[in-house]
N, C-alpha and C. Protein backbone atom coordinates (compact mmCIF):
# COMPACT_ATOMS: atom_id res chain seq x y z
N MET A 1 98.38 74.11 65.43
CA MET A 1 97.86 75.00 66.48
C MET A 1 98.91 76.04 66.62
N ASN A 2 100.18 75.93 66.51
CA ASN A 2 101.19 76.98 66.99
C ASN A 2 100.43 78.36 66.11
N GLU A 3 100.15 78.08 64.71
CA GLU A 3 99.63 79.37 63.88
C GLU A 3 98.55 80.00 64.64
N THR A 4 97.65 79.18 65.19
CA THR A 4 96.58 79.87 65.89
C THR A 4 96.83 80.63 67.08
N LEU A 5 97.85 80.04 67.89
CA LEU A 5 98.25 80.67 68.92
C LEU A 5 98.84 81.88 68.81
N GLU A 6 99.66 81.92 67.64
CA GLU A 6 100.23 83.26 67.17
C GLU A 6 99.45 84.25 66.84
N LEU A 7 98.42 83.82 65.98
CA LEU A 7 97.08 84.85 65.55
C LEU A 7 96.64 85.33 66.86
N ALA A 8 96.38 84.53 67.77
CA ALA A 8 95.44 84.94 69.02
C ALA A 8 96.44 86.12 69.85
N LYS A 9 97.68 85.52 69.84
CA LYS A 9 98.48 86.58 70.72
C LYS A 9 98.49 88.00 69.91
N GLU A 10 98.61 87.76 68.69
CA GLU A 10 98.58 89.17 67.65
C GLU A 10 97.32 89.91 68.06
N LEU A 11 96.31 89.22 68.17
CA LEU A 11 94.87 89.90 68.27
C LEU A 11 94.85 90.46 69.61
N LYS A 12 95.36 89.65 70.76
CA LYS A 12 95.49 90.24 71.99
C LYS A 12 96.20 91.51 72.03
N GLU A 13 97.29 91.43 71.36
CA GLU A 13 98.14 92.88 71.31
C GLU A 13 97.63 93.88 70.87
N GLU A 14 96.71 93.79 69.57
CA GLU A 14 96.02 94.76 68.91
C GLU A 14 94.99 95.39 69.90
N ILE A 15 94.33 94.13 70.33
CA ILE A 15 93.26 94.70 71.19
C ILE A 15 93.76 95.79 72.46
N HIS A 16 94.87 95.41 73.09
CA HIS A 16 95.43 96.10 73.98
C HIS A 16 95.92 97.56 73.64
N LYS A 17 95.95 97.69 72.24
CA LYS A 17 96.39 99.12 71.66
C LYS A 17 95.18 100.07 71.39
N ASP A 18 94.06 99.39 71.38
CA ASP A 18 92.78 99.90 71.27
C ASP A 18 92.75 101.39 71.96
N THR A 19 92.30 102.41 71.74
CA THR A 19 92.03 103.50 72.48
C THR A 19 90.91 103.35 73.45
N LEU A 20 89.80 102.57 73.26
CA LEU A 20 88.87 102.06 74.09
C LEU A 20 89.45 101.42 75.26
N ILE A 21 90.10 100.38 74.92
CA ILE A 21 90.73 99.49 76.06
C ILE A 21 91.81 100.29 76.62
N VAL A 22 92.53 101.05 76.33
CA VAL A 22 93.52 101.54 76.88
C VAL A 22 92.76 102.63 77.88
N GLU A 23 91.88 103.37 77.53
CA GLU A 23 91.25 104.23 78.16
C GLU A 23 90.29 103.54 79.28
N TYR A 24 89.91 102.39 78.96
CA TYR A 24 88.96 101.45 80.10
C TYR A 24 90.01 101.07 81.27
N LEU A 25 91.04 100.63 80.74
CA LEU A 25 92.31 100.26 81.68
C LEU A 25 92.90 101.41 82.51
N ARG A 26 92.74 102.59 82.00
CA ARG A 26 93.23 103.77 82.87
C ARG A 26 92.36 104.07 83.95
N VAL A 27 90.86 104.21 83.58
CA VAL A 27 89.82 104.34 84.37
C VAL A 27 89.63 103.42 85.38
N LYS A 28 89.88 102.17 84.96
CA LYS A 28 89.62 101.22 86.03
C LYS A 28 90.72 101.20 87.17
N LYS A 29 91.87 101.49 86.77
CA LYS A 29 93.01 101.67 87.71
C LYS A 29 92.58 103.04 88.82
N LEU A 30 92.17 104.03 88.01
CA LEU A 30 91.72 105.03 89.01
C LEU A 30 90.51 104.62 89.97
N TYR A 31 89.64 103.73 89.35
CA TYR A 31 88.38 103.49 90.18
C TYR A 31 88.80 102.49 91.23
N GLU A 32 89.65 101.60 90.95
CA GLU A 32 89.92 100.69 91.79
C GLU A 32 90.78 101.37 93.16
N SER A 33 91.51 102.43 92.73
CA SER A 33 92.54 103.02 93.70
C SER A 33 91.75 104.15 94.43
N ASN A 34 90.60 104.41 94.27
CA ASN A 34 89.89 105.71 94.66
C ASN A 34 89.38 105.50 95.94
N ASN A 35 89.89 106.21 97.05
CA ASN A 35 89.59 105.96 98.44
C ASN A 35 88.10 106.42 98.60
N GLU A 36 87.48 107.19 97.98
CA GLU A 36 86.07 107.40 98.28
C GLU A 36 85.33 106.27 98.00
N ILE A 37 85.61 105.86 96.72
CA ILE A 37 84.71 104.70 96.09
C ILE A 37 84.92 103.49 96.93
N ASN A 38 86.37 103.15 97.49
CA ASN A 38 86.29 102.13 98.17
C ASN A 38 85.74 102.14 99.71
N GLU A 39 85.68 103.40 100.08
CA GLU A 39 84.81 103.58 101.56
C GLU A 39 83.64 103.40 101.22
N LEU A 40 83.01 104.16 100.18
CA LEU A 40 81.58 103.95 99.95
C LEU A 40 81.12 102.47 99.82
N LYS A 41 82.11 101.74 98.90
CA LYS A 41 81.78 100.28 98.85
C LYS A 41 81.66 99.43 100.21
N LYS A 42 82.61 99.96 101.19
CA LYS A 42 82.44 99.10 102.67
C LYS A 42 81.07 99.62 103.18
N ASP A 43 81.02 100.75 103.15
CA ASP A 43 79.81 101.60 103.94
C ASP A 43 78.44 100.77 103.35
N ILE A 44 78.49 100.74 102.08
CA ILE A 44 77.25 100.00 101.52
C ILE A 44 77.08 98.58 101.99
N ALA A 45 78.14 98.01 101.87
CA ALA A 45 78.18 96.32 102.39
C ALA A 45 77.67 96.52 103.90
N LEU A 46 78.26 97.15 104.77
CA LEU A 46 77.99 97.19 106.14
C LEU A 46 76.38 97.52 106.28
N ALA A 47 75.86 98.61 105.61
CA ALA A 47 74.51 99.12 105.73
C ALA A 47 73.64 97.96 105.32
N LYS A 48 74.01 97.10 104.34
CA LYS A 48 73.18 96.04 104.07
C LYS A 48 73.08 94.91 104.88
N ALA A 49 74.50 94.62 105.46
CA ALA A 49 74.54 93.43 106.54
C ALA A 49 73.80 93.75 107.68
N HIS A 50 73.68 95.26 108.00
CA HIS A 50 73.18 95.35 109.49
C HIS A 50 71.54 95.86 109.09
N HIS A 51 71.20 95.51 107.76
CA HIS A 51 69.63 95.86 107.13
C HIS A 51 69.27 97.22 107.57
N LYS A 52 70.30 98.14 107.44
CA LYS A 52 69.79 99.57 107.24
C LYS A 52 69.36 99.99 105.88
N ASP A 53 68.36 99.76 105.54
CA ASP A 53 67.84 99.88 104.07
C ASP A 53 67.83 101.43 103.72
N GLU A 54 67.50 102.31 104.42
CA GLU A 54 67.69 103.59 103.92
C GLU A 54 68.78 103.97 103.66
N LEU A 55 69.56 103.72 104.69
CA LEU A 55 71.16 104.04 104.57
C LEU A 55 71.71 103.59 103.28
N HIS A 56 71.55 102.12 103.27
CA HIS A 56 72.04 101.32 102.09
C HIS A 56 71.51 102.05 100.80
N LYS A 57 70.32 102.36 100.64
CA LYS A 57 69.61 103.00 99.49
C LYS A 57 70.50 104.25 99.15
N ASP A 58 70.55 105.26 100.30
CA ASP A 58 71.21 106.45 99.94
C ASP A 58 72.83 106.26 99.77
N LEU A 59 73.61 105.45 100.31
CA LEU A 59 74.76 105.32 100.13
C LEU A 59 75.04 104.71 98.38
N LEU A 60 74.16 103.69 98.17
CA LEU A 60 74.12 103.24 96.70
C LEU A 60 74.02 104.32 95.74
N ALA A 61 73.10 104.97 96.02
CA ALA A 61 72.69 106.16 95.10
C ALA A 61 73.95 107.29 95.00
N LYS A 62 74.44 107.55 96.19
CA LYS A 62 75.72 108.39 96.11
C LYS A 62 76.93 107.57 95.29
N TYR A 63 76.97 106.29 95.54
CA TYR A 63 77.96 105.47 94.73
C TYR A 63 77.75 105.73 93.12
N ASN A 64 76.50 105.25 92.73
CA ASN A 64 76.12 105.16 91.47
C ASN A 64 76.22 106.60 90.75
N ALA A 65 76.17 107.59 91.62
CA ALA A 65 76.35 108.97 90.88
C ALA A 65 77.77 109.63 90.84
N HIS A 66 78.62 108.72 91.69
CA HIS A 66 79.92 109.40 91.50
C HIS A 66 80.40 109.22 90.05
N PRO A 67 81.02 110.45 89.61
CA PRO A 67 81.41 110.58 88.06
C PRO A 67 82.51 109.49 87.81
N LEU A 68 83.12 109.13 88.61
CA LEU A 68 84.20 108.12 88.27
C LEU A 68 83.50 106.62 88.03
N VAL A 69 82.66 106.36 88.85
CA VAL A 69 81.81 105.21 88.84
C VAL A 69 81.11 105.20 87.39
N VAL A 70 80.59 106.25 87.32
CA VAL A 70 79.56 106.42 85.86
C VAL A 70 80.47 106.16 84.96
N ASN A 71 81.64 106.85 84.66
CA ASN A 71 82.66 106.73 83.55
C ASN A 71 83.24 105.12 83.67
N TYR A 72 83.39 104.48 84.71
CA TYR A 72 84.03 103.02 84.64
C TYR A 72 82.95 102.05 84.14
N ASN A 73 81.73 102.45 84.57
CA ASN A 73 80.42 101.58 83.90
C ASN A 73 80.30 101.71 82.66
N TYR A 74 80.37 102.91 82.21
CA TYR A 74 80.06 103.11 80.74
C TYR A 74 81.07 102.49 80.12
N LEU A 75 82.36 102.62 80.36
CA LEU A 75 83.61 102.14 79.64
C LEU A 75 83.33 100.54 79.53
N LYS A 76 83.23 99.98 80.75
CA LYS A 76 83.07 98.65 81.10
C LYS A 76 82.07 98.02 80.18
N GLU A 77 80.80 98.64 79.90
CA GLU A 77 79.83 98.31 79.04
C GLU A 77 80.40 98.28 77.60
N GLU A 78 80.94 99.40 77.25
CA GLU A 78 81.59 99.55 75.84
C GLU A 78 82.70 98.60 75.65
N VAL A 79 83.44 98.32 76.37
CA VAL A 79 84.40 97.16 76.21
C VAL A 79 83.70 95.96 76.06
N SER A 80 82.79 95.64 76.88
CA SER A 80 81.98 94.45 76.80
C SER A 80 81.61 94.28 75.42
N ASN A 81 80.77 95.22 74.73
CA ASN A 81 80.30 95.27 73.46
C ASN A 81 81.23 95.05 72.44
N TYR A 82 82.49 95.60 72.64
CA TYR A 82 83.56 95.63 71.72
C TYR A 82 84.02 94.33 71.61
N LEU A 83 84.17 93.72 72.74
CA LEU A 83 84.84 92.12 72.68
C LEU A 83 83.84 90.95 72.15
N ILE A 84 82.60 91.40 72.43
CA ILE A 84 81.41 90.52 71.83
C ILE A 84 81.43 90.62 70.39
N GLU A 85 81.58 91.78 69.75
CA GLU A 85 81.77 92.03 68.40
C GLU A 85 82.95 91.12 67.66
N ILE A 86 84.14 91.26 68.63
CA ILE A 86 85.34 90.62 68.11
C ILE A 86 85.13 89.12 68.24
N SER A 87 84.64 88.83 69.20
CA SER A 87 84.12 87.14 69.43
C SER A 87 83.49 86.82 68.15
N LYS A 88 82.38 87.51 67.75
CA LYS A 88 81.69 87.29 66.48
C LYS A 88 82.29 86.97 65.36
N ILE A 89 83.15 87.83 65.16
CA ILE A 89 84.03 87.86 64.00
C ILE A 89 85.09 86.64 64.11
N VAL A 90 85.68 86.58 65.13
CA VAL A 90 86.20 85.33 65.28
C VAL A 90 85.89 83.99 65.05
N ASN A 91 84.51 83.86 65.65
CA ASN A 91 83.65 82.64 65.44
C ASN A 91 82.91 82.31 64.22
N LYS A 92 83.03 83.27 63.39
CA LYS A 92 82.22 83.36 61.96
C LYS A 92 82.96 82.19 61.39
N LYS A 93 82.23 81.22 60.54
CA LYS A 93 82.84 80.20 59.61
C LYS A 93 82.73 80.65 58.27
């Protein structure tokens, strides 16, 4: 079991060095700390809670068109696919 744990740790370290992962983590940090995006998310939630459908739709479109959101979502999907491939390789018998 100890050898398996060591291999898993090495794999994790290698994954964190990958340029895709590095870029995703960088963009994720920017996304999470962006005031404009955070305000939009709050406004979207409020519009939905108050059943302001047209406002909700407009704010959601603005949010989804934000370049940082577009980039973050793209990278998130790429990372997901990358990790699925790694999982398939690891789970092969």
